[in-house]
Amino acid sequence: EALSAQLQVVYEHRSRLERSLQKERG
C-alpha cells in the first residue's frame, strides 16, 4: 500500500512532468 501510494505520487509527478515537458516542447 505504501509502495502503491508512493507509485501513485510518482505517476502523478511523472504525469505533471510529462505535461510540463509537452508544454515545454510546444
PDB file of all heavy atoms in Angstrom:
ATOM      1  N   GLU A   1       0.832  -1.208   0.000  1.00  0.00           N
ATOM      2  CA  GLU A   1       0.000   0.000   0.000  1.00  0.00           C
ATOM      3  C   GLU A   1       0.865   1.256   0.000  1.00  0.00           C
ATOM      4  O   GLU A   1       0.575   2.229  -0.705  1.00  0.00           O
ATOM      5  CB  GLU A   1      -0.933  -0.024   1.225  1.00  0.00           C
ATOM      6  CG  GLU A   1      -2.058  -1.039   1.096  1.00  0.00           C
ATOM      7  CD  GLU A   1      -2.912  -1.134   2.366  1.00  0.00           C
ATOM      8  OE1 GLU A   1      -2.539  -0.440   3.361  1.00  0.00           O
ATOM      9  OE2 GLU A   1      -3.929  -1.844   2.353  1.00  0.00           O
ATOM     10  N   ALA A   2       1.927   1.200   0.845  1.00  0.00           N
ATOM     11  CA  ALA A   2       2.842   2.350   0.889  1.00  0.00           C
ATOM     12  C   ALA A   2       3.498   2.549  -0.469  1.00  0.00           C
ATOM     13  O   ALA A   2       3.607   3.673  -0.985  1.00  0.00           O
ATOM     14  CB  ALA A   2       3.896   2.153   1.968  1.00  0.00           C
ATOM     15  N   LEU A   3       3.922   1.366  -1.063  1.00  0.00           N
ATOM     16  CA  LEU A   3       4.542   1.458  -2.390  1.00  0.00           C
ATOM     17  C   LEU A   3       3.541   1.955  -3.435  1.00  0.00           C
ATOM     18  O   LEU A   3       3.881   2.733  -4.333  1.00  0.00           O
ATOM     19  CB  LEU A   3       5.113   0.101  -2.796  1.00  0.00           C
ATOM     20  CG  LEU A   3       6.419  -0.310  -2.078  1.00  0.00           C
ATOM     21  CD1 LEU A   3       6.783  -1.756  -2.439  1.00  0.00           C
ATOM     22  CD2 LEU A   3       7.553   0.622  -2.481  1.00  0.00           C
ATOM     23  N   SER A   4       2.262   1.492  -3.316  1.00  0.00           N
ATOM     24  CA  SER A   4       1.227   1.940  -4.250  1.00  0.00           C
ATOM     25  C   SER A   4       1.015   3.451  -4.127  1.00  0.00           C
ATOM     26  O   SER A   4       0.869   4.168  -5.138  1.00  0.00           O
ATOM     27  CB  SER A   4      -0.091   1.213  -3.965  1.00  0.00           C
ATOM     28  OG  SER A   4       0.007  -0.137  -4.321  1.00  0.00           O
ATOM     29  N   ALA A   5       0.973   3.880  -2.830  1.00  0.00           N
ATOM     30  CA  ALA A   5       0.803   5.321  -2.609  1.00  0.00           C
ATOM     31  C   ALA A   5       1.983   6.093  -3.201  1.00  0.00           C
ATOM     32  O   ALA A   5       1.812   7.116  -3.898  1.00  0.00           O
ATOM     33  CB  ALA A   5       0.650   5.613  -1.128  1.00  0.00           C
ATOM     34  N   GLN A   6       3.198   5.569  -2.941  1.00  0.00           N
ATOM     35  CA  GLN A   6       4.386   6.220  -3.495  1.00  0.00           C
ATOM     36  C   GLN A   6       4.371   6.196  -5.024  1.00  0.00           C
ATOM     37  O   GLN A   6       4.719   7.171  -5.697  1.00  0.00           O
ATOM     38  CB  GLN A   6       5.663   5.549  -2.969  1.00  0.00           C
ATOM     39  CG  GLN A   6       5.933   5.842  -1.505  1.00  0.00           C
ATOM     40  CD  GLN A   6       7.184   5.108  -0.997  1.00  0.00           C
ATOM     41  OE1 GLN A   6       7.825   4.379  -1.767  1.00  0.00           O
ATOM     42  NE2 GLN A   6       7.508   5.307   0.255  1.00  0.00           N
ATOM     43  N   LEU A   7       3.942   5.015  -5.548  1.00  0.00           N
ATOM     44  CA  LEU A   7       3.887   4.876  -7.013  1.00  0.00           C
ATOM     45  C   LEU A   7       2.861   5.836  -7.588  1.00  0.00           C
ATOM     46  O   LEU A   7       3.086   6.434  -8.656  1.00  0.00           O
ATOM     47  CB  LEU A   7       3.534   3.415  -7.360  1.00  0.00           C
ATOM     48  CG  LEU A   7       3.629   3.045  -8.836  1.00  0.00           C
ATOM     49  CD1 LEU A   7       5.057   3.234  -9.342  1.00  0.00           C
ATOM     50  CD2 LEU A   7       3.218   1.586  -9.051  1.00  0.00           C
ATOM     51  N   GLN A   8       1.721   5.999  -6.865  1.00  0.00           N
ATOM     52  CA  GLN A   8       0.691   6.949  -7.311  1.00  0.00           C
ATOM     53  C   GLN A   8       1.275   8.368  -7.356  1.00  0.00           C
ATOM     54  O   GLN A   8       1.050   9.111  -8.316  1.00  0.00           O
ATOM     55  CB  GLN A   8      -0.510   6.896  -6.357  1.00  0.00           C
ATOM     56  CG  GLN A   8      -1.675   7.774  -6.773  1.00  0.00           C
ATOM     57  CD  GLN A   8      -2.326   7.302  -8.066  1.00  0.00           C
ATOM     58  OE1 GLN A   8      -2.330   6.090  -8.357  1.00  0.00           O
ATOM     59  NE2 GLN A   8      -2.841   8.250  -8.849  1.00  0.00           N
ATOM     60  N   VAL A   9       2.036   8.711  -6.295  1.00  0.00           N
ATOM     61  CA  VAL A   9       2.678  10.049  -6.256  1.00  0.00           C
ATOM     62  C   VAL A   9       3.654  10.183  -7.409  1.00  0.00           C
ATOM     63  O   VAL A   9       3.718  11.220  -8.094  1.00  0.00           O
ATOM     64  CB  VAL A   9       3.381  10.252  -4.897  1.00  0.00           C
ATOM     65  CG1 VAL A   9       4.247  11.519  -4.927  1.00  0.00           C
ATOM     66  CG2 VAL A   9       2.369  10.356  -3.776  1.00  0.00           C
ATOM     67  N   VAL A  10       4.419   9.061  -7.606  1.00  0.00           N
ATOM     68  CA  VAL A  10       5.400   9.077  -8.705  1.00  0.00           C
ATOM     69  C   VAL A  10       4.683   9.233 -10.040  1.00  0.00           C
ATOM     70  O   VAL A  10       5.097  10.000 -10.921  1.00  0.00           O
ATOM     71  CB  VAL A  10       6.266   7.800  -8.684  1.00  0.00           C
ATOM     72  CG1 VAL A  10       7.060   7.680  -9.962  1.00  0.00           C
ATOM     73  CG2 VAL A  10       7.195   7.825  -7.480  1.00  0.00           C
ATOM     74  N   TYR A  11       3.547   8.489 -10.246  1.00  0.00           N
ATOM     75  CA  TYR A  11       2.777   8.605 -11.502  1.00  0.00           C
ATOM     76  C   TYR A  11       2.254  10.026 -11.716  1.00  0.00           C
ATOM     77  O   TYR A  11       2.324  10.576 -12.815  1.00  0.00           O
ATOM     78  CB  TYR A  11       1.620   7.610 -11.494  1.00  0.00           C
ATOM     79  CG  TYR A  11       2.009   6.191 -11.852  1.00  0.00           C
ATOM     80  CD1 TYR A  11       1.330   5.086 -11.313  1.00  0.00           C
ATOM     81  CD2 TYR A  11       3.052   5.955 -12.749  1.00  0.00           C
ATOM     82  CE1 TYR A  11       1.692   3.779 -11.645  1.00  0.00           C
ATOM     83  CE2 TYR A  11       3.411   4.654 -13.075  1.00  0.00           C
ATOM     84  CZ  TYR A  11       2.732   3.583 -12.529  1.00  0.00           C
ATOM     85  OH  TYR A  11       3.101   2.301 -12.852  1.00  0.00           O
ATOM     86  N   GLU A  12       1.700  10.575 -10.588  1.00  0.00           N
ATOM     87  CA  GLU A  12       1.175  11.948 -10.697  1.00  0.00           C
ATOM     88  C   GLU A  12       2.303  12.935 -11.040  1.00  0.00           C
ATOM     89  O   GLU A  12       2.147  13.822 -11.878  1.00  0.00           O
ATOM     90  CB  GLU A  12       0.488  12.349  -9.385  1.00  0.00           C
ATOM     91  CG  GLU A  12      -0.848  11.656  -9.174  1.00  0.00           C
ATOM     92  CD  GLU A  12      -1.459  11.993  -7.830  1.00  0.00           C
ATOM     93  OE1 GLU A  12      -0.820  12.803  -7.085  1.00  0.00           O
ATOM     94  OE2 GLU A  12      -2.557  11.503  -7.527  1.00  0.00           O
ATOM     95  N   HIS A  13       3.442  12.739 -10.344  1.00  0.00           N
ATOM     96  CA  HIS A  13       4.599  13.615 -10.621  1.00  0.00           C
ATOM     97  C   HIS A  13       5.072  13.441 -12.052  1.00  0.00           C
ATOM     98  O   HIS A  13       5.387  14.426 -12.743  1.00  0.00           O
ATOM     99  CB  HIS A  13       5.722  13.280  -9.623  1.00  0.00           C
ATOM    100  CG  HIS A  13       6.907  14.191  -9.746  1.00  0.00           C
ATOM    101  ND1 HIS A  13       6.831  15.553  -9.518  1.00  0.00           N
ATOM    102  CD2 HIS A  13       8.208  13.931 -10.078  1.00  0.00           C
ATOM    103  CE1 HIS A  13       8.013  16.091  -9.710  1.00  0.00           C
ATOM    104  NE2 HIS A  13       8.881  15.111 -10.050  1.00  0.00           N
ATOM    105  N   ARG A  14       5.089  12.134 -12.482  1.00  0.00           N
ATOM    106  CA  ARG A  14       5.506  11.879 -13.862  1.00  0.00           C
ATOM    107  C   ARG A  14       4.532  12.507 -14.842  1.00  0.00           C
ATOM    108  O   ARG A  14       4.928  13.070 -15.868  1.00  0.00           O
ATOM    109  CB  ARG A  14       5.581  10.355 -14.093  1.00  0.00           C
ATOM    110  CG  ARG A  14       6.037  10.016 -15.484  1.00  0.00           C
ATOM    111  CD  ARG A  14       6.020   8.529 -15.711  1.00  0.00           C
ATOM    112  NE  ARG A  14       6.277   8.224 -17.087  1.00  0.00           N
ATOM    113  CZ  ARG A  14       6.123   7.038 -17.643  1.00  0.00           C
ATOM    114  NH1 ARG A  14       5.689   6.024 -16.894  1.00  0.00           N
ATOM    115  NH2 ARG A  14       6.395   6.836 -18.905  1.00  0.00           N
ATOM    116  N   SER A  15       3.208  12.409 -14.519  1.00  0.00           N
ATOM    117  CA  SER A  15       2.192  12.998 -15.382  1.00  0.00           C
ATOM    118  C   SER A  15       2.383  14.505 -15.475  1.00  0.00           C
ATOM    119  O   SER A  15       2.312  15.099 -16.558  1.00  0.00           O
ATOM    120  CB  SER A  15       0.810  12.654 -14.840  1.00  0.00           C
ATOM    121  OG  SER A  15      -0.189  13.265 -15.621  1.00  0.00           O
ATOM    122  N   ARG A  16       2.632  15.134 -14.301  1.00  0.00           N
ATOM    123  CA  ARG A  16       2.880  16.577 -14.312  1.00  0.00           C
ATOM    124  C   ARG A  16       4.128  16.909 -15.122  1.00  0.00           C
ATOM    125  O   ARG A  16       4.144  17.865 -15.895  1.00  0.00           O
ATOM    126  CB  ARG A  16       3.034  17.102 -12.883  1.00  0.00           C
ATOM    127  CG  ARG A  16       1.701  17.250 -12.138  1.00  0.00           C
ATOM    128  CD  ARG A  16       1.850  18.143 -10.916  1.00  0.00           C
ATOM    129  NE  ARG A  16       2.843  17.660  -9.962  1.00  0.00           N
ATOM    130  CZ  ARG A  16       2.587  16.800  -8.989  1.00  0.00           C
ATOM    131  NH1 ARG A  16       1.366  16.292  -8.824  1.00  0.00           N
ATOM    132  NH2 ARG A  16       3.537  16.446  -8.166  1.00  0.00           N
ATOM    133  N   LEU A  17       5.173  16.065 -14.900  1.00  0.00           N
ATOM    134  CA  LEU A  17       6.408  16.305 -15.654  1.00  0.00           C
ATOM    135  C   LEU A  17       6.199  16.146 -17.160  1.00  0.00           C
ATOM    136  O   LEU A  17       6.732  16.917 -17.961  1.00  0.00           O
ATOM    137  CB  LEU A  17       7.516  15.350 -15.181  1.00  0.00           C
ATOM    138  CG  LEU A  17       8.139  15.670 -13.823  1.00  0.00           C
ATOM    139  CD1 LEU A  17       9.140  14.575 -13.435  1.00  0.00           C
ATOM    140  CD2 LEU A  17       8.853  17.017 -13.871  1.00  0.00           C
ATOM    141  N   GLU A  18       5.381  15.111 -17.551  1.00  0.00           N
ATOM    142  CA  GLU A  18       5.107  14.899 -18.973  1.00  0.00           C
ATOM    143  C   GLU A  18       4.324  16.073 -19.554  1.00  0.00           C
ATOM    144  O   GLU A  18       4.613  16.539 -20.670  1.00  0.00           O
ATOM    145  CB  GLU A  18       4.334  13.600 -19.160  1.00  0.00           C
ATOM    146  CG  GLU A  18       5.209  12.347 -19.090  1.00  0.00           C
ATOM    147  CD  GLU A  18       4.408  11.068 -19.293  1.00  0.00           C
ATOM    148  OE1 GLU A  18       3.158  11.165 -19.342  1.00  0.00           O
ATOM    149  OE2 GLU A  18       5.033  10.006 -19.418  1.00  0.00           O
ATOM    150  N   ARG A  19       3.309  16.572 -18.762  1.00  0.00           N
ATOM    151  CA  ARG A  19       2.552  17.739 -19.244  1.00  0.00           C
ATOM    152  C   ARG A  19       3.472  18.960 -19.383  1.00  0.00           C
ATOM    153  O   ARG A  19       3.423  19.684 -20.374  1.00  0.00           O
ATOM    154  CB  ARG A  19       1.403  18.050 -18.281  1.00  0.00           C
ATOM    155  CG  ARG A  19       0.222  17.090 -18.418  1.00  0.00           C
ATOM    156  CD  ARG A  19      -1.030  17.647 -17.758  1.00  0.00           C
ATOM    157  NE  ARG A  19      -0.861  17.936 -16.333  1.00  0.00           N
ATOM    158  CZ  ARG A  19      -1.059  17.032 -15.369  1.00  0.00           C
ATOM    159  NH1 ARG A  19      -1.418  15.770 -15.657  1.00  0.00           N
ATOM    160  NH2 ARG A  19      -0.895  17.368 -14.107  1.00  0.00           N
ATOM    161  N   SER A  20       4.305  19.117 -18.327  1.00  0.00           N
ATOM    162  CA  SER A  20       5.244  20.234 -18.369  1.00  0.00           C
ATOM    163  C   SER A  20       6.209  20.102 -19.545  1.00  0.00           C
ATOM    164  O   SER A  20       6.507  21.070 -20.256  1.00  0.00           O
ATOM    165  CB  SER A  20       6.014  20.305 -17.055  1.00  0.00           C
ATOM    166  OG  SER A  20       6.959  21.351 -17.081  1.00  0.00           O
ATOM    167  N   LEU A  21       6.681  18.827 -19.745  1.00  0.00           N
ATOM    168  CA  LEU A  21       7.589  18.564 -20.858  1.00  0.00           C
ATOM    169  C   LEU A  21       6.898  18.827 -22.188  1.00  0.00           C
ATOM    170  O   LEU A  21       7.495  19.423 -23.107  1.00  0.00           O
ATOM    171  CB  LEU A  21       8.097  17.117 -20.788  1.00  0.00           C
ATOM    172  CG  LEU A  21       9.074  16.698 -21.887  1.00  0.00           C
ATOM    173  CD1 LEU A  21      10.354  17.526 -21.818  1.00  0.00           C
ATOM    174  CD2 LEU A  21       9.406  15.212 -21.763  1.00  0.00           C
ATOM    175  N   GLN A  22       5.621  18.404 -22.288  1.00  0.00           N
ATOM    176  CA  GLN A  22       4.853  18.639 -23.513  1.00  0.00           C
ATOM    177  C   GLN A  22       4.715  20.135 -23.770  1.00  0.00           C
ATOM    178  O   GLN A  22       4.870  20.604 -24.900  1.00  0.00           O
ATOM    179  CB  GLN A  22       3.470  17.974 -23.390  1.00  0.00           C
ATOM    180  CG  GLN A  22       2.725  17.853 -24.710  1.00  0.00           C
ATOM    181  CD  GLN A  22       3.405  16.867 -25.652  1.00  0.00           C
ATOM    182  OE1 GLN A  22       4.075  15.935 -25.227  1.00  0.00           O
ATOM    183  NE2 GLN A  22       3.266  17.099 -26.945  1.00  0.00           N
ATOM    184  N   LYS A  23       4.392  20.849 -22.661  1.00  0.00           N
ATOM    185  CA  LYS A  23       4.250  22.297 -22.790  1.00  0.00           C
ATOM    186  C   LYS A  23       5.575  22.940 -23.214  1.00  0.00           C
ATOM    187  O   LYS A  23       5.619  23.807 -24.097  1.00  0.00           O
ATOM    188  CB  LYS A  23       3.799  22.869 -21.440  1.00  0.00           C
ATOM    189  CG  LYS A  23       3.515  24.360 -21.476  1.00  0.00           C
ATOM    190  CD  LYS A  23       3.067  24.840 -20.099  1.00  0.00           C
ATOM    191  CE  LYS A  23       2.887  26.358 -20.105  1.00  0.00           C
ATOM    192  NZ  LYS A  23       2.567  26.871 -18.762  1.00  0.00           N
ATOM    193  N   GLU A  24       6.664  22.472 -22.563  1.00  0.00           N
ATOM    194  CA  GLU A  24       7.989  22.990 -22.905  1.00  0.00           C
ATOM    195  C   GLU A  24       8.330  22.683 -24.354  1.00  0.00           C
ATOM    196  O   GLU A  24       8.910  23.519 -25.061  1.00  0.00           O
ATOM    197  CB  GLU A  24       9.062  22.394 -21.976  1.00  0.00           C
ATOM    198  CG  GLU A  24       9.070  22.938 -20.567  1.00  0.00           C
ATOM    199  CD  GLU A  24       9.512  24.391 -20.525  1.00  0.00           C
ATOM    200  OE1 GLU A  24      10.333  24.789 -21.365  1.00  0.00           O
ATOM    201  OE2 GLU A  24       8.995  25.135 -19.670  1.00  0.00           O
ATOM    202  N   ARG A  25       7.962  21.439 -24.777  1.00  0.00           N
ATOM    203  CA  ARG A  25       8.228  21.070 -26.172  1.00  0.00           C
ATOM    204  C   ARG A  25       7.446  21.977 -27.138  1.00  0.00           C
ATOM    205  O   ARG A  25       7.964  22.399 -28.172  1.00  0.00           O
ATOM    206  CB  ARG A  25       7.857  19.609 -26.409  1.00  0.00           C
ATOM    207  CG  ARG A  25       8.925  18.650 -25.949  1.00  0.00           C
ATOM    208  CD  ARG A  25       8.510  17.221 -26.191  1.00  0.00           C
ATOM    209  NE  ARG A  25       9.539  16.288 -25.768  1.00  0.00           N
ATOM    210  CZ  ARG A  25       9.352  14.988 -25.610  1.00  0.00           C
ATOM    211  NH1 ARG A  25       8.141  14.474 -25.807  1.00  0.00           N
ATOM    212  NH2 ARG A  25      10.341  14.201 -25.239  1.00  0.00           N
ATOM    213  N   GLY A  26       6.149  22.222 -26.764  1.00  0.00           N
ATOM    214  CA  GLY A  26       5.337  23.117 -27.596  1.00  0.00           C
ATOM    215  C   GLY A  26       5.943  24.513 -27.661  1.00  0.00           C
ATOM    216  O   GLY A  26       6.058  25.109 -28.747  1.00  0.00           O
TER     217      GLY A  26
END
